[in-house]
Amino acid sequence: RDNAKKTMYLEMNSLQPEDTAVYYCAAAARGGTWLSAQYTYWGQ
């Protein structure tokens, strides 16, 4: 992430067919785990 630019990134290498998906970014005010319910805001 680059907080000055308010941007998060995901660098993906050695991609395989099982990586095919819609990828979403999400924000959590505190903490943040692997559970989607912990996240407040979502992208499209």
ModelCIF file with pLDDT and N, C-alpha, C, O atoms, coordinates in Angstrom:
data_MODEL
#
_entry.id   MODEL 
#
_entity.id                         1 
_entity.type                       polymer 
_entity.pdbx_number_of_molecules   1 
#
_entity_poly.entity_id                      1 
_entity_poly.type                           'polypeptide(L)' 
_entity_poly.nstd_linkage                   no 
_entity_poly.nstd_monomer                   no 
_entity_poly.pdbx_seq_one_letter_code       RDNAKKTMYLEMNSLQPEDTAVYYCAAAARGGTWLSAQYTYWGQ 
_entity_poly.pdbx_seq_one_letter_code_can   RDNAKKTMYLEMNSLQPEDTAVYYCAAAARGGTWLSAQYTYWGQ 
_entity_poly.pdbx_strand_id                 A 
#
loop_
_entity_poly_seq.entity_id 
_entity_poly_seq.num 
_entity_poly_seq.mon_id 
_entity_poly_seq.hetero 
1 1  ARG n 
1 2  ASP n 
1 3  ASN n 
1 4  ALA n 
1 5  LYS n 
1 6  LYS n 
1 7  THR n 
1 8  MET n 
1 9  TYR n 
1 10 LEU n 
1 11 GLU n 
1 12 MET n 
1 13 ASN n 
1 14 SER n 
1 15 LEU n 
1 16 GLN n 
1 17 PRO n 
1 18 GLU n 
1 19 ASP n 
1 20 THR n 
1 21 ALA n 
1 22 VAL n 
1 23 TYR n 
1 24 TYR n 
1 25 CYS n 
1 26 ALA n 
1 27 ALA n 
1 28 ALA n 
1 29 ALA n 
1 30 ARG n 
1 31 GLY n 
1 32 GLY n 
1 33 THR n 
1 34 TRP n 
1 35 LEU n 
1 36 SER n 
1 37 ALA n 
1 38 GLN n 
1 39 TYR n 
1 40 THR n 
1 41 TYR n 
1 42 TRP n 
1 43 GLY n 
1 44 GLN n 
#
_struct_asym.id          A 
_struct_asym.entity_id   1 
#
loop_
_ma_qa_metric.id 
_ma_qa_metric.mode 
_ma_qa_metric.name 
_ma_qa_metric.software_group_id 
_ma_qa_metric.type 
1 global pLDDT . pLDDT 
2 local  pLDDT . pLDDT 
#
_ma_qa_metric_global.metric_id      1 
_ma_qa_metric_global.metric_value   94.39 
_ma_qa_metric_global.model_id       1 
_ma_qa_metric_global.ordinal_id     1 
#
loop_
_ma_qa_metric_local.label_asym_id 
_ma_qa_metric_local.label_comp_id 
_ma_qa_metric_local.label_seq_id 
_ma_qa_metric_local.metric_id 
_ma_qa_metric_local.metric_value 
_ma_qa_metric_local.model_id 
_ma_qa_metric_local.ordinal_id 
A ARG 1  2 98.00 1 1  
A ASP 2  2 98.00 1 2  
A ASN 3  2 97.00 1 3  
A ALA 4  2 97.00 1 4  
A LYS 5  2 98.00 1 5  
A LYS 6  2 98.00 1 6  
A THR 7  2 98.00 1 7  
A MET 8  2 98.00 1 8  
A TYR 9  2 98.00 1 9  
A LEU 10 2 98.00 1 10 
A GLU 11 2 98.00 1 11 
A MET 12 2 98.00 1 12 
A ASN 13 2 97.00 1 13 
A SER 14 2 97.00 1 14 
A LEU 15 2 97.00 1 15 
A GLN 16 2 96.00 1 16 
A PRO 17 2 97.00 1 17 
A GLU 18 2 95.00 1 18 
A ASP 19 2 97.00 1 19 
A THR 20 2 98.00 1 20 
A ALA 21 2 98.00 1 21 
A VAL 22 2 98.00 1 22 
A TYR 23 2 98.00 1 23 
A TYR 24 2 98.00 1 24 
A CYS 25 2 98.00 1 25 
A ALA 26 2 97.00 1 26 
A ALA 27 2 97.00 1 27 
A ALA 28 2 96.00 1 28 
A ALA 29 2 91.00 1 29 
A ARG 30 2 79.00 1 30 
A GLY 31 2 74.00 1 31 
A GLY 32 2 72.00 1 32 
A THR 33 2 81.00 1 33 
A TRP 34 2 86.00 1 34 
A LEU 35 2 90.00 1 35 
A SER 36 2 91.00 1 36 
A ALA 37 2 91.00 1 37 
A GLN 38 2 92.00 1 38 
A TYR 39 2 95.00 1 39 
A THR 40 2 94.00 1 40 
A TYR 41 2 97.00 1 41 
A TRP 42 2 97.00 1 42 
A GLY 43 2 98.00 1 43 
A GLN 44 2 97.00 1 44 
#
loop_
_atom_site.group_PDB 
_atom_site.id 
_atom_site.type_symbol 
_atom_site.label_atom_id 
_atom_site.label_alt_id 
_atom_site.label_comp_id 
_atom_site.label_asym_id 
_atom_site.label_entity_id 
_atom_site.label_seq_id 
_atom_site.pdbx_PDB_ins_code 
_atom_site.Cartn_x 
_atom_site.Cartn_y 
_atom_site.Cartn_z 
_atom_site.occupancy 
_atom_site.B_iso_or_equiv 
_atom_site.pdbx_formal_charge 
_atom_site.auth_seq_id 
_atom_site.auth_comp_id 
_atom_site.auth_asym_id 
_atom_site.auth_atom_id 
_atom_site.pdbx_PDB_model_num 
ATOM 1   N N  . ARG A 1 1  ? 0.833   -1.193  0.000   1.00 98.00 ? 1  ARG A N  1 
ATOM 2   C CA . ARG A 1 1  ? 0.000   0.000   0.000   1.00 98.00 ? 1  ARG A CA 1 
ATOM 3   C C  . ARG A 1 1  ? 0.868   1.243   0.000   1.00 98.00 ? 1  ARG A C  1 
ATOM 4   O O  . ARG A 1 1  ? 2.013   1.222   0.451   1.00 98.00 ? 1  ARG A O  1 
ATOM 5   N N  . ASP A 1 2  ? 0.308   2.320   -0.510  1.00 98.00 ? 2  ASP A N  1 
ATOM 6   C CA . ASP A 1 2  ? 0.936   3.627   -0.511  1.00 98.00 ? 2  ASP A CA 1 
ATOM 7   C C  . ASP A 1 2  ? -0.084  4.586   0.083   1.00 98.00 ? 2  ASP A C  1 
ATOM 8   O O  . ASP A 1 2  ? -0.999  5.035   -0.606  1.00 98.00 ? 2  ASP A O  1 
ATOM 9   N N  . ASN A 1 3  ? 0.077   4.898   1.362   1.00 97.00 ? 3  ASN A N  1 
ATOM 10  C CA . ASN A 1 3  ? -0.915  5.727   2.043   1.00 97.00 ? 3  ASN A CA 1 
ATOM 11  C C  . ASN A 1 3  ? -0.963  7.152   1.495   1.00 97.00 ? 3  ASN A C  1 
ATOM 12  O O  . ASN A 1 3  ? -2.016  7.787   1.513   1.00 97.00 ? 3  ASN A O  1 
ATOM 13  N N  . ALA A 1 4  ? 0.162   7.651   1.011   1.00 97.00 ? 4  ALA A N  1 
ATOM 14  C CA . ALA A 1 4  ? 0.176   8.985   0.430   1.00 97.00 ? 4  ALA A CA 1 
ATOM 15  C C  . ALA A 1 4  ? -0.696  9.053   -0.817  1.00 97.00 ? 4  ALA A C  1 
ATOM 16  O O  . ALA A 1 4  ? -1.314  10.080  -1.098  1.00 97.00 ? 4  ALA A O  1 
ATOM 17  N N  . LYS A 1 5  ? -0.741  7.948   -1.566  1.00 98.00 ? 5  LYS A N  1 
ATOM 18  C CA . LYS A 1 5  ? -1.558  7.883   -2.774  1.00 98.00 ? 5  LYS A CA 1 
ATOM 19  C C  . LYS A 1 5  ? -2.930  7.280   -2.526  1.00 98.00 ? 5  LYS A C  1 
ATOM 20  O O  . LYS A 1 5  ? -3.751  7.209   -3.440  1.00 98.00 ? 5  LYS A O  1 
ATOM 21  N N  . LYS A 1 6  ? -3.188  6.841   -1.286  1.00 98.00 ? 6  LYS A N  1 
ATOM 22  C CA . LYS A 1 6  ? -4.451  6.196   -0.926  1.00 98.00 ? 6  LYS A CA 1 
ATOM 23  C C  . LYS A 1 6  ? -4.749  5.033   -1.867  1.00 98.00 ? 6  LYS A C  1 
ATOM 24  O O  . LYS A 1 6  ? -5.861  4.885   -2.372  1.00 98.00 ? 6  LYS A O  1 
ATOM 25  N N  . THR A 1 7  ? -3.738  4.224   -2.082  1.00 98.00 ? 7  THR A N  1 
ATOM 26  C CA . THR A 1 7  ? -3.848  3.121   -3.024  1.00 98.00 ? 7  THR A CA 1 
ATOM 27  C C  . THR A 1 7  ? -3.239  1.859   -2.440  1.00 98.00 ? 7  THR A C  1 
ATOM 28  O O  . THR A 1 7  ? -2.192  1.903   -1.794  1.00 98.00 ? 7  THR A O  1 
ATOM 29  N N  . MET A 1 8  ? -3.900  0.735   -2.672  1.00 98.00 ? 8  MET A N  1 
ATOM 30  C CA . MET A 1 8  ? -3.395  -0.571  -2.307  1.00 98.00 ? 8  MET A CA 1 
ATOM 31  C C  . MET A 1 8  ? -3.129  -1.361  -3.582  1.00 98.00 ? 8  MET A C  1 
ATOM 32  O O  . MET A 1 8  ? -3.785  -1.147  -4.601  1.00 98.00 ? 8  MET A O  1 
ATOM 33  N N  . TYR A 1 9  ? -2.159  -2.277  -3.521  1.00 98.00 ? 9  TYR A N  1 
ATOM 34  C CA . TYR A 1 9  ? -1.765  -3.041  -4.690  1.00 98.00 ? 9  TYR A CA 1 
ATOM 35  C C  . TYR A 1 9  ? -1.731  -4.529  -4.389  1.00 98.00 ? 9  TYR A C  1 
ATOM 36  O O  . TYR A 1 9  ? -1.581  -4.943  -3.240  1.00 98.00 ? 9  TYR A O  1 
ATOM 37  N N  . LEU A 1 10 ? -1.870  -5.319  -5.430  1.00 98.00 ? 10 LEU A N  1 
ATOM 38  C CA . LEU A 1 10 ? -1.652  -6.751  -5.351  1.00 98.00 ? 10 LEU A CA 1 
ATOM 39  C C  . LEU A 1 10 ? -0.819  -7.150  -6.554  1.00 98.00 ? 10 LEU A C  1 
ATOM 40  O O  . LEU A 1 10 ? -1.311  -7.162  -7.682  1.00 98.00 ? 10 LEU A O  1 
ATOM 41  N N  . GLU A 1 11 ? 0.452   -7.479  -6.311  1.00 98.00 ? 11 GLU A N  1 
ATOM 42  C CA . GLU A 1 11 ? 1.338   -7.957  -7.357  1.00 98.00 ? 11 GLU A CA 1 
ATOM 43  C C  . GLU A 1 11 ? 1.172   -9.467  -7.462  1.00 98.00 ? 11 GLU A C  1 
ATOM 44  O O  . GLU A 1 11 ? 1.371   -10.189 -6.484  1.00 98.00 ? 11 GLU A O  1 
ATOM 45  N N  . MET A 1 12 ? 0.811   -9.935  -8.631  1.00 98.00 ? 12 MET A N  1 
ATOM 46  C CA . MET A 1 12 ? 0.525   -11.349 -8.834  1.00 98.00 ? 12 MET A CA 1 
ATOM 47  C C  . MET A 1 12 ? 1.516   -11.927 -9.834  1.00 98.00 ? 12 MET A C  1 
ATOM 48  O O  . MET A 1 12 ? 1.626   -11.445 -10.961 1.00 98.00 ? 12 MET A O  1 
ATOM 49  N N  . ASN A 1 13 ? 2.228   -12.952 -9.417  1.00 97.00 ? 13 ASN A N  1 
ATOM 50  C CA . ASN A 1 13 ? 3.207   -13.629 -10.255 1.00 97.00 ? 13 ASN A CA 1 
ATOM 51  C C  . ASN A 1 13 ? 2.891   -15.112 -10.350 1.00 97.00 ? 13 ASN A C  1 
ATOM 52  O O  . ASN A 1 13 ? 2.140   -15.649 -9.535  1.00 97.00 ? 13 ASN A O  1 
ATOM 53  N N  . SER A 1 14 ? 3.467   -15.770 -11.349 1.00 97.00 ? 14 SER A N  1 
ATOM 54  C CA . SER A 1 14 ? 3.270   -17.211 -11.554 1.00 97.00 ? 14 SER A CA 1 
ATOM 55  C C  . SER A 1 14 ? 1.793   -17.577 -11.523 1.00 97.00 ? 14 SER A C  1 
ATOM 56  O O  . SER A 1 14 ? 1.397   -18.547 -10.877 1.00 97.00 ? 14 SER A O  1 
ATOM 57  N N  . LEU A 1 15 ? 0.997   -16.807 -12.216 1.00 97.00 ? 15 LEU A N  1 
ATOM 58  C CA . LEU A 1 15 ? -0.449  -17.013 -12.185 1.00 97.00 ? 15 LEU A CA 1 
ATOM 59  C C  . LEU A 1 15 ? -0.837  -18.337 -12.828 1.00 97.00 ? 15 LEU A C  1 
ATOM 60  O O  . LEU A 1 15 ? -0.235  -18.769 -13.812 1.00 97.00 ? 15 LEU A O  1 
ATOM 61  N N  . GLN A 1 16 ? -1.844  -18.967 -12.260 1.00 96.00 ? 16 GLN A N  1 
ATOM 62  C CA . GLN A 1 16 ? -2.359  -20.237 -12.723 1.00 96.00 ? 16 GLN A CA 1 
ATOM 63  C C  . GLN A 1 16 ? -3.856  -20.121 -12.961 1.00 96.00 ? 16 GLN A C  1 
ATOM 64  O O  . GLN A 1 16 ? -4.490  -19.204 -12.438 1.00 96.00 ? 16 GLN A O  1 
ATOM 65  N N  . PRO A 1 17 ? -4.439  -21.036 -13.742 1.00 97.00 ? 17 PRO A N  1 
ATOM 66  C CA . PRO A 1 17 ? -5.879  -20.957 -14.011 1.00 97.00 ? 17 PRO A CA 1 
ATOM 67  C C  . PRO A 1 17 ? -6.736  -20.893 -12.751 1.00 97.00 ? 17 PRO A C  1 
ATOM 68  O O  . PRO A 1 17 ? -7.793  -20.263 -12.772 1.00 97.00 ? 17 PRO A O  1 
ATOM 69  N N  . GLU A 1 18 ? -6.318  -21.518 -11.660 1.00 95.00 ? 18 GLU A N  1 
ATOM 70  C CA . GLU A 1 18 ? -7.101  -21.470 -10.433 1.00 95.00 ? 18 GLU A CA 1 
ATOM 71  C C  . GLU A 1 18 ? -7.128  -20.090 -9.792  1.00 95.00 ? 18 GLU A C  1 
ATOM 72  O O  . GLU A 1 18 ? -7.898  -19.860 -8.859  1.00 95.00 ? 18 GLU A O  1 
ATOM 73  N N  . ASP A 1 19 ? -6.305  -19.171 -10.275 1.00 97.00 ? 19 ASP A N  1 
ATOM 74  C CA . ASP A 1 19 ? -6.340  -17.794 -9.805  1.00 97.00 ? 19 ASP A CA 1 
ATOM 75  C C  . ASP A 1 19 ? -7.420  -16.974 -10.506 1.00 97.00 ? 19 ASP A C  1 
ATOM 76  O O  . ASP A 1 19 ? -7.663  -15.827 -10.131 1.00 97.00 ? 19 ASP A O  1 
ATOM 77  N N  . THR A 1 20 ? -8.062  -17.538 -11.503 1.00 98.00 ? 20 THR A N  1 
ATOM 78  C CA . THR A 1 20 ? -9.129  -16.846 -12.214 1.00 98.00 ? 20 THR A CA 1 
ATOM 79  C C  . THR A 1 20 ? -10.265 -16.518 -11.255 1.00 98.00 ? 20 THR A C  1 
ATOM 80  O O  . THR A 1 20 ? -10.808 -17.409 -10.603 1.00 98.00 ? 20 THR A O  1 
ATOM 81  N N  . ALA A 1 21 ? -10.625 -15.239 -11.169 1.00 98.00 ? 21 ALA A N  1 
ATOM 82  C CA . ALA A 1 21 ? -11.655 -14.798 -10.229 1.00 98.00 ? 21 ALA A CA 1 
ATOM 83  C C  . ALA A 1 21 ? -11.896 -13.310 -10.418 1.00 98.00 ? 21 ALA A C  1 
ATOM 84  O O  . ALA A 1 21 ? -11.127 -12.622 -11.088 1.00 98.00 ? 21 ALA A O  1 
ATOM 85  N N  . VAL A 1 22 ? -12.974 -12.826 -9.817  1.00 98.00 ? 22 VAL A N  1 
ATOM 86  C CA . VAL A 1 22 ? -13.149 -11.399 -9.623  1.00 98.00 ? 22 VAL A CA 1 
ATOM 87  C C  . VAL A 1 22 ? -12.444 -11.036 -8.327  1.00 98.00 ? 22 VAL A C  1 
ATOM 88  O O  . VAL A 1 22 ? -12.715 -11.631 -7.284  1.00 98.00 ? 22 VAL A O  1 
ATOM 89  N N  . TYR A 1 23 ? -11.550 -10.074 -8.384  1.00 98.00 ? 23 TYR A N  1 
ATOM 90  C CA . TYR A 1 23 ? -10.775 -9.659  -7.221  1.00 98.00 ? 23 TYR A CA 1 
ATOM 91  C C  . TYR A 1 23 ? -11.348 -8.377  -6.644  1.00 98.00 ? 23 TYR A C  1 
ATOM 92  O O  . TYR A 1 23 ? -11.566 -7.402  -7.363  1.00 98.00 ? 23 TYR A O  1 
ATOM 93  N N  . TYR A 1 24 ? -11.592 -8.386  -5.335  1.00 98.00 ? 24 TYR A N  1 
ATOM 94  C CA . TYR A 1 24 ? -12.173 -7.255  -4.627  1.00 98.00 ? 24 TYR A CA 1 
ATOM 95  C C  . TYR A 1 24 ? -11.203 -6.709  -3.592  1.00 98.00 ? 24 TYR A C  1 
ATOM 96  O O  . TYR A 1 24 ? -10.505 -7.477  -2.930  1.00 98.00 ? 24 TYR A O  1 
ATOM 97  N N  . CYS A 1 25 ? -11.153 -5.393  -3.445  1.00 98.00 ? 25 CYS A N  1 
ATOM 98  C CA . CYS A 1 25 ? -10.447 -4.818  -2.318  1.00 98.00 ? 25 CYS A CA 1 
ATOM 99  C C  . CYS A 1 25 ? -11.449 -4.438  -1.241  1.00 98.00 ? 25 CYS A C  1 
ATOM 100 O O  . CYS A 1 25 ? -12.611 -4.153  -1.530  1.00 98.00 ? 25 CYS A O  1 
ATOM 101 N N  . ALA A 1 26 ? -10.983 -4.436  0.018   1.00 97.00 ? 26 ALA A N  1 
ATOM 102 C CA . ALA A 1 26 ? -11.844 -4.168  1.153   1.00 97.00 ? 26 ALA A CA 1 
ATOM 103 C C  . ALA A 1 26 ? -11.063 -3.449  2.239   1.00 97.00 ? 26 ALA A C  1 
ATOM 104 O O  . ALA A 1 26 ? -9.841  -3.575  2.324   1.00 97.00 ? 26 ALA A O  1 
ATOM 105 N N  . ALA A 1 27 ? -11.781 -2.685  3.081   1.00 97.00 ? 27 ALA A N  1 
ATOM 106 C CA . ALA A 1 27 ? -11.177 -1.898  4.148   1.00 97.00 ? 27 ALA A CA 1 
ATOM 107 C C  . ALA A 1 27 ? -11.818 -2.233  5.481   1.00 97.00 ? 27 ALA A C  1 
ATOM 108 O O  . ALA A 1 27 ? -13.038 -2.376  5.567   1.00 97.00 ? 27 ALA A O  1 
ATOM 109 N N  . ALA A 1 28 ? -10.996 -2.359  6.533   1.00 96.00 ? 28 ALA A N  1 
ATOM 110 C CA . ALA A 1 28 ? -11.456 -2.619  7.896   1.00 96.00 ? 28 ALA A CA 1 
ATOM 111 C C  . ALA A 1 28 ? -10.935 -1.535  8.816   1.00 96.00 ? 28 ALA A C  1 
ATOM 112 O O  . ALA A 1 28 ? -9.743  -1.228  8.805   1.00 96.00 ? 28 ALA A O  1 
ATOM 113 N N  . ALA A 1 29 ? -11.828 -0.946  9.622   1.00 91.00 ? 29 ALA A N  1 
ATOM 114 C CA . ALA A 1 29 ? -11.440 0.148   10.512  1.00 91.00 ? 29 ALA A CA 1 
ATOM 115 C C  . ALA A 1 29 ? -10.433 -0.293  11.566  1.00 91.00 ? 29 ALA A C  1 
ATOM 116 O O  . ALA A 1 29 ? -9.539  0.470   11.932  1.00 91.00 ? 29 ALA A O  1 
ATOM 117 N N  . ARG A 1 30 ? -10.576 -1.519  12.054  1.00 79.00 ? 30 ARG A N  1 
ATOM 118 C CA . ARG A 1 30 ? -9.672  -2.080  13.049  1.00 79.00 ? 30 ARG A CA 1 
ATOM 119 C C  . ARG A 1 30 ? -9.442  -3.542  12.745  1.00 79.00 ? 30 ARG A C  1 
ATOM 120 O O  . ARG A 1 30 ? -10.329 -4.237  12.248  1.00 79.00 ? 30 ARG A O  1 
ATOM 121 N N  . GLY A 1 31 ? -8.251  -3.998  13.048  1.00 74.00 ? 31 GLY A N  1 
ATOM 122 C CA . GLY A 1 31 ? -7.922  -5.395  12.869  1.00 74.00 ? 31 GLY A CA 1 
ATOM 123 C C  . GLY A 1 31 ? -7.967  -5.795  11.414  1.00 74.00 ? 31 GLY A C  1 
ATOM 124 O O  . GLY A 1 31 ? -7.217  -5.276  10.587  1.00 74.00 ? 31 GLY A O  1 
ATOM 125 N N  . GLY A 1 32 ? -8.849  -6.719  11.112  1.00 72.00 ? 32 GLY A N  1 
ATOM 126 C CA . GLY A 1 32 ? -8.957  -7.230  9.764   1.00 72.00 ? 32 GLY A CA 1 
ATOM 127 C C  . GLY A 1 32 ? -8.400  -8.640  9.685   1.00 72.00 ? 32 GLY A C  1 
ATOM 128 O O  . GLY A 1 32 ? -7.200  -8.857  9.850   1.00 72.00 ? 32 GLY A O  1 
ATOM 129 N N  . THR A 1 33 ? -9.280  -9.587  9.432   1.00 81.00 ? 33 THR A N  1 
ATOM 130 C CA . THR A 1 33 ? -8.902  -10.996 9.354   1.00 81.00 ? 33 THR A CA 1 
ATOM 131 C C  . THR A 1 33 ? -9.243  -11.527 7.970   1.00 81.00 ? 33 THR A C  1 
ATOM 132 O O  . THR A 1 33 ? -9.430  -10.764 7.023   1.00 81.00 ? 33 THR A O  1 
ATOM 133 N N  . TRP A 1 34 ? -9.321  -12.852 7.871   1.00 86.00 ? 34 TRP A N  1 
ATOM 134 C CA . TRP A 1 34 ? -9.706  -13.498 6.634   1.00 86.00 ? 34 TRP A CA 1 
ATOM 135 C C  . TRP A 1 34 ? -11.217 -13.533 6.438   1.00 86.00 ? 34 TRP A C  1 
ATOM 136 O O  . TRP A 1 34 ? -11.690 -13.996 5.400   1.00 86.00 ? 34 TRP A O  1 
ATOM 137 N N  . LEU A 1 35 ? -11.984 -13.050 7.417   1.00 90.00 ? 35 LEU A N  1 
ATOM 138 C CA . LEU A 1 35 ? -13.435 -13.074 7.351   1.00 90.00 ? 35 LEU A CA 1 
ATOM 139 C C  . LEU A 1 35 ? -13.960 -11.807 6.690   1.00 90.00 ? 35 LEU A C  1 
ATOM 140 O O  . LEU A 1 35 ? -13.626 -10.699 7.111   1.00 90.00 ? 35 LEU A O  1 
ATOM 141 N N  . SER A 1 36 ? -14.767 -11.966 5.673   1.00 91.00 ? 36 SER A N  1 
ATOM 142 C CA . SER A 1 36 ? -15.289 -10.818 4.946   1.00 91.00 ? 36 SER A CA 1 
ATOM 143 C C  . SER A 1 36 ? -16.145 -9.911  5.824   1.00 91.00 ? 36 SER A C  1 
ATOM 144 O O  . SER A 1 36 ? -16.244 -8.715  5.552   1.00 91.00 ? 36 SER A O  1 
ATOM 145 N N  . ALA A 1 37 ? -16.767 -10.456 6.874   1.00 91.00 ? 37 ALA A N  1 
ATOM 146 C CA . ALA A 1 37 ? -17.621 -9.674  7.758   1.00 91.00 ? 37 ALA A CA 1 
ATOM 147 C C  . ALA A 1 37 ? -16.851 -8.621  8.541   1.00 91.00 ? 37 ALA A C  1 
ATOM 148 O O  . ALA A 1 37 ? -17.457 -7.695  9.080   1.00 91.00 ? 37 ALA A O  1 
ATOM 149 N N  . GLN A 1 38 ? -15.541 -8.740  8.616   1.00 92.00 ? 38 GLN A N  1 
ATOM 150 C CA . GLN A 1 38 ? -14.727 -7.782  9.347   1.00 92.00 ? 38 GLN A CA 1 
ATOM 151 C C  . GLN A 1 38 ? -14.497 -6.491  8.563   1.00 92.00 ? 38 GLN A C  1 
ATOM 152 O O  . GLN A 1 38 ? -13.969 -5.523  9.111   1.00 92.00 ? 38 GLN A O  1 
ATOM 153 N N  . TYR A 1 39 ? -14.880 -6.466  7.309   1.00 95.00 ? 39 TYR A N  1 
ATOM 154 C CA . TYR A 1 39 ? -14.541 -5.345  6.436   1.00 95.00 ? 39 TYR A CA 1 
ATOM 155 C C  . TYR A 1 39 ? -15.742 -4.440  6.195   1.00 95.00 ? 39 TYR A C  1 
ATOM 156 O O  . TYR A 1 39 ? -16.854 -4.900  5.938   1.00 95.00 ? 39 TYR A O  1 
ATOM 157 N N  . THR A 1 40 ? -15.484 -3.154  6.286   1.00 94.00 ? 40 THR A N  1 
ATOM 158 C CA . THR A 1 40 ? -16.528 -2.137  6.230   1.00 94.00 ? 40 THR A CA 1 
ATOM 159 C C  . THR A 1 40 ? -16.860 -1.702  4.812   1.00 94.00 ? 40 THR A C  1 
ATOM 160 O O  . THR A 1 40 ? -18.031 -1.553  4.464   1.00 94.00 ? 40 THR A O  1 
ATOM 161 N N  . TYR A 1 41 ? -15.844 -1.500  3.998   1.00 97.00 ? 41 TYR A N  1 
ATOM 162 C CA . TYR A 1 41 ? -16.018 -0.982  2.649   1.00 97.00 ? 41 TYR A CA 1 
ATOM 163 C C  . TYR A 1 41 ? -15.479 -1.963  1.631   1.00 97.00 ? 41 TYR A C  1 
ATOM 164 O O  . TYR A 1 41 ? -14.495 -2.661  1.874   1.00 97.00 ? 41 TYR A O  1 
ATOM 165 N N  . TRP A 1 42 ? -16.144 -2.004  0.480   1.00 97.00 ? 42 TRP A N  1 
ATOM 166 C CA . TRP A 1 42 ? -15.780 -2.926  -0.591  1.00 97.00 ? 42 TRP A CA 1 
ATOM 167 C C  . TRP A 1 42 ? -15.772 -2.224  -1.935  1.00 97.00 ? 42 TRP A C  1 
ATOM 168 O O  . TRP A 1 42 ? -16.563 -1.313  -2.182  1.00 97.00 ? 42 TRP A O  1 
ATOM 169 N N  . GLY A 1 43 ? -14.870 -2.657  -2.798  1.00 98.00 ? 43 GLY A N  1 
ATOM 170 C CA . GLY A 1 43 ? -14.862 -2.189  -4.165  1.00 98.00 ? 43 GLY A CA 1 
ATOM 171 C C  . GLY A 1 43 ? -15.788 -3.015  -5.035  1.00 98.00 ? 43 GLY A C  1 
ATOM 172 O O  . GLY A 1 43 ? -16.429 -3.955  -4.565  1.00 98.00 ? 43 GLY A O  1 
ATOM 173 N N  . GLN A 1 44 ? -15.850 -2.656  -6.307  1.00 97.00 ? 44 GLN A N  1 
ATOM 174 C CA . GLN A 1 44 ? -16.759 -3.318  -7.243  1.00 97.00 ? 44 GLN A CA 1 
ATOM 175 C C  . GLN A 1 44 ? -16.164 -4.568  -7.876  1.00 97.00 ? 44 GLN A C  1 
ATOM 176 O O  . GLN A 1 44 ? -16.821 -5.223  -8.684  1.00 97.00 ? 44 GLN A O  1 
#
